[in-house]
Amino acid sequence: MSTSTQFYLDQAEQCGRNAQSATLANQREVQLKAQAAWQAMADRAIHTATERDRREAERRALALASQGEPECPETR
């Protein structure tokens, strides 16, 4: 997990704690909205990293497969 993803998750967690300890309803609402926003950023970062890793693995598999294929003989 990247540093930024962990930061997003940490911020979401902190906002959740802040919401639980908020004494006013509007403060709680602000913290819950912030928590949702941080969580959404973390989710996007995780999805992006997962897709990047999947594409990279696919590229490596294609590269390995193409190395083992014999060249086509010339037709005469």
N, C-alpha and C. Protein backbone atom coordinates (compact mmCIF):
# COMPACT_ATOMS: atom_id res chain seq x y z
N MET A 1 0.85 -1.17 0.00
CA MET A 1 0.00 0.00 0.00
C MET A 1 0.90 1.23 0.00
N SER A 2 0.55 2.20 -0.81
CA SER A 2 1.38 3.39 -0.92
C SER A 2 1.21 4.29 0.30
N THR A 3 2.14 5.20 0.44
CA THR A 3 2.11 6.14 1.55
C THR A 3 0.87 7.01 1.49
N SER A 4 0.52 7.49 0.30
CA SER A 4 -0.66 8.35 0.19
C SER A 4 -1.94 7.59 0.53
N THR A 5 -2.03 6.33 0.13
CA THR A 5 -3.21 5.54 0.45
C THR A 5 -3.33 5.37 1.96
N GLN A 6 -2.23 5.07 2.61
CA GLN A 6 -2.25 4.93 4.07
C GLN A 6 -2.63 6.26 4.73
N PHE A 7 -2.14 7.36 4.19
CA PHE A 7 -2.49 8.67 4.71
C PHE A 7 -4.00 8.90 4.61
N TYR A 8 -4.58 8.58 3.45
CA TYR A 8 -6.02 8.75 3.26
C TYR A 8 -6.81 7.91 4.29
N LEU A 9 -6.37 6.68 4.48
CA LEU A 9 -7.05 5.80 5.43
C LEU A 9 -6.91 6.33 6.87
N ASP A 10 -5.73 6.83 7.19
CA ASP A 10 -5.51 7.41 8.52
C ASP A 10 -6.41 8.62 8.75
N GLN A 11 -6.53 9.46 7.73
CA GLN A 11 -7.38 10.64 7.85
C GLN A 11 -8.85 10.25 8.01
N ALA A 12 -9.29 9.26 7.25
CA ALA A 12 -10.67 8.80 7.37
C ALA A 12 -10.94 8.27 8.78
N GLU A 13 -9.98 7.53 9.31
CA GLU A 13 -10.13 6.99 10.66
C GLU A 13 -10.20 8.12 11.70
N GLN A 14 -9.33 9.11 11.53
CA GLN A 14 -9.33 10.24 12.47
C GLN A 14 -10.65 11.00 12.40
N CYS A 15 -11.16 11.21 11.21
CA CYS A 15 -12.45 11.91 11.07
C CYS A 15 -13.57 11.10 11.73
N GLY A 16 -13.50 9.79 11.63
CA GLY A 16 -14.49 8.94 12.29
C GLY A 16 -14.43 9.10 13.81
N ARG A 17 -13.22 9.13 14.34
CA ARG A 17 -13.07 9.35 15.78
C ARG A 17 -13.57 10.73 16.18
N ASN A 18 -13.26 11.74 15.35
CA ASN A 18 -13.72 13.10 15.63
C ASN A 18 -15.25 13.17 15.61
N ALA A 19 -15.86 12.45 14.69
CA ALA A 19 -17.32 12.45 14.60
C ALA A 19 -17.93 11.82 15.85
N GLN A 20 -17.33 10.74 16.34
CA GLN A 20 -17.84 10.09 17.53
C GLN A 20 -17.75 10.99 18.76
N SER A 21 -16.71 11.80 18.80
CA SER A 21 -16.53 12.65 19.99
C SER A 21 -17.16 14.03 19.83
N ALA A 22 -17.73 14.33 18.67
CA ALA A 22 -18.35 15.64 18.45
C ALA A 22 -19.58 15.80 19.34
N THR A 23 -19.70 16.98 19.92
CA THR A 23 -20.85 17.23 20.79
C THR A 23 -22.01 17.85 20.03
N LEU A 24 -21.71 18.52 18.95
CA LEU A 24 -22.76 19.17 18.16
C LEU A 24 -23.04 18.36 16.90
N ALA A 25 -24.31 18.33 16.51
CA ALA A 25 -24.73 17.55 15.34
C ALA A 25 -24.05 18.04 14.07
N ASN A 26 -23.92 19.36 13.92
CA ASN A 26 -23.30 19.87 12.68
C ASN A 26 -21.82 19.52 12.62
N GLN A 27 -21.14 19.49 13.78
CA GLN A 27 -19.74 19.08 13.80
C GLN A 27 -19.62 17.61 13.40
N ARG A 28 -20.51 16.80 13.93
CA ARG A 28 -20.51 15.37 13.61
C ARG A 28 -20.74 15.17 12.12
N GLU A 29 -21.68 15.91 11.56
CA GLU A 29 -21.99 15.80 10.13
C GLU A 29 -20.79 16.19 9.27
N VAL A 30 -20.12 17.27 9.64
CA VAL A 30 -18.93 17.70 8.89
C VAL A 30 -17.86 16.62 8.94
N GLN A 31 -17.63 16.04 10.11
CA GLN A 31 -16.61 15.01 10.25
C GLN A 31 -16.98 13.74 9.48
N LEU A 32 -18.24 13.39 9.49
CA LEU A 32 -18.68 12.20 8.74
C LEU A 32 -18.53 12.42 7.23
N LYS A 33 -18.82 13.63 6.76
CA LYS A 33 -18.63 13.93 5.34
C LYS A 33 -17.15 13.89 4.99
N ALA A 34 -16.32 14.42 5.86
CA ALA A 34 -14.87 14.39 5.62
C ALA A 34 -14.38 12.95 5.62
N GLN A 35 -14.89 12.14 6.54
CA GLN A 35 -14.51 10.73 6.59
C GLN A 35 -14.86 10.04 5.27
N ALA A 36 -16.05 10.30 4.77
CA ALA A 36 -16.48 9.69 3.50
C ALA A 36 -15.59 10.14 2.35
N ALA A 37 -15.20 11.41 2.34
CA ALA A 37 -14.34 11.92 1.27
C ALA A 37 -12.95 11.27 1.33
N TRP A 38 -12.36 11.18 2.53
CA TRP A 38 -11.06 10.54 2.67
C TRP A 38 -11.13 9.07 2.28
N GLN A 39 -12.20 8.41 2.67
CA GLN A 39 -12.35 7.00 2.33
C GLN A 39 -12.48 6.81 0.82
N ALA A 40 -13.21 7.71 0.17
CA ALA A 40 -13.35 7.64 -1.28
C ALA A 40 -12.00 7.81 -1.97
N MET A 41 -11.17 8.73 -1.46
CA MET A 41 -9.84 8.91 -2.04
C MET A 41 -8.99 7.65 -1.84
N ALA A 42 -9.09 7.05 -0.67
CA ALA A 42 -8.34 5.82 -0.41
C ALA A 42 -8.82 4.70 -1.33
N ASP A 43 -10.13 4.58 -1.48
CA ASP A 43 -10.69 3.54 -2.35
C ASP A 43 -10.22 3.71 -3.79
N ARG A 44 -10.20 4.96 -4.27
CA ARG A 44 -9.73 5.22 -5.64
C ARG A 44 -8.26 4.88 -5.79
N ALA A 45 -7.47 5.25 -4.79
CA ALA A 45 -6.03 4.96 -4.84
C ALA A 45 -5.78 3.45 -4.84
N ILE A 46 -6.53 2.72 -4.03
CA ILE A 46 -6.39 1.26 -3.98
C ILE A 46 -6.80 0.65 -5.31
N HIS A 47 -7.91 1.12 -5.86
CA HIS A 47 -8.38 0.60 -7.16
C HIS A 47 -7.35 0.88 -8.25
N THR A 48 -6.82 2.09 -8.27
CA THR A 48 -5.83 2.46 -9.28
C THR A 48 -4.59 1.58 -9.17
N ALA A 49 -4.10 1.37 -7.95
CA ALA A 49 -2.92 0.54 -7.76
C ALA A 49 -3.19 -0.90 -8.17
N THR A 50 -4.36 -1.40 -7.84
CA THR A 50 -4.72 -2.78 -8.20
C THR A 50 -4.76 -2.94 -9.72
N GLU A 51 -5.39 -1.99 -10.39
CA GLU A 51 -5.47 -2.06 -11.86
C GLU A 51 -4.09 -1.92 -12.50
N ARG A 52 -3.26 -1.04 -11.96
CA ARG A 52 -1.90 -0.86 -12.48
C ARG A 52 -1.12 -2.17 -12.33
N ASP A 53 -1.23 -2.81 -11.17
CA ASP A 53 -0.53 -4.08 -10.96
C ASP A 53 -1.05 -5.16 -11.90
N ARG A 54 -2.38 -5.20 -12.12
CA ARG A 54 -2.96 -6.18 -13.02
C ARG A 54 -2.46 -5.99 -14.45
N ARG A 55 -2.44 -4.72 -14.90
CA ARG A 55 -1.96 -4.43 -16.27
C ARG A 55 -0.49 -4.78 -16.41
N GLU A 56 0.30 -4.48 -15.39
CA GLU A 56 1.73 -4.78 -15.45
C GLU A 56 1.96 -6.29 -15.50
N ALA A 57 1.20 -7.05 -14.72
CA ALA A 57 1.32 -8.51 -14.75
C ALA A 57 0.92 -9.04 -16.13
N GLU A 58 -0.11 -8.46 -16.71
CA GLU A 58 -0.55 -8.88 -18.04
C GLU A 58 0.54 -8.59 -19.07
N ARG A 59 1.18 -7.42 -18.98
CA ARG A 59 2.27 -7.08 -19.91
C ARG A 59 3.44 -8.06 -19.77
N ARG A 60 3.78 -8.39 -18.51
CA ARG A 60 4.88 -9.34 -18.29
C ARG A 60 4.54 -10.70 -18.86
N ALA A 61 3.31 -11.14 -18.67
CA ALA A 61 2.89 -12.45 -19.20
C ALA A 61 2.95 -12.46 -20.72
N LEU A 62 2.52 -11.37 -21.35
CA LEU A 62 2.58 -11.29 -22.81
C LEU A 62 4.02 -11.28 -23.29
N ALA A 63 4.88 -10.58 -22.58
CA ALA A 63 6.30 -10.52 -22.96
C ALA A 63 6.94 -11.90 -22.85
N LEU A 64 6.64 -12.61 -21.78
CA LEU A 64 7.18 -13.96 -21.62
C LEU A 64 6.64 -14.91 -22.68
N ALA A 65 5.38 -14.79 -22.99
CA ALA A 65 4.78 -15.65 -24.00
C ALA A 65 5.38 -15.39 -25.38
N SER A 66 5.64 -14.15 -25.68
CA SER A 66 6.18 -13.82 -27.00
C SER A 66 7.65 -14.24 -27.13
N GLN A 67 8.35 -14.35 -26.02
CA GLN A 67 9.75 -14.78 -26.08
C GLN A 67 9.85 -16.25 -26.44
N GLY A 68 8.87 -17.04 -26.05
CA GLY A 68 8.92 -18.47 -26.29
C GLY A 68 8.35 -18.90 -27.63
N GLU A 69 7.74 -18.00 -28.35
CA GLU A 69 7.12 -18.37 -29.63
C GLU A 69 8.18 -18.44 -30.73
N PRO A 70 8.15 -19.50 -31.52
CA PRO A 70 9.10 -19.59 -32.64
C PRO A 70 8.69 -18.61 -33.74
N GLU A 71 9.67 -18.16 -34.45
CA GLU A 71 9.37 -17.25 -35.55
C GLU A 71 8.72 -18.02 -36.68
N CYS A 72 7.91 -17.35 -37.44
CA CYS A 72 7.23 -17.98 -38.58
C CYS A 72 8.24 -18.23 -39.68
N PRO A 73 8.20 -19.43 -40.25
CA PRO A 73 9.12 -19.70 -41.36
C PRO A 73 8.70 -18.91 -42.59
N GLU A 74 9.66 -18.56 -43.37
CA GLU A 74 9.35 -17.82 -44.60
C GLU A 74 8.69 -18.76 -45.59
N THR A 75 7.73 -18.26 -46.30
CA THR A 75 7.08 -19.06 -47.34
C THR A 75 7.77 -18.76 -48.66
N ARG A 76 8.03 -19.82 -49.43
CA ARG A 76 8.71 -19.62 -50.71
C ARG A 76 7.91 -20.14 -51.83
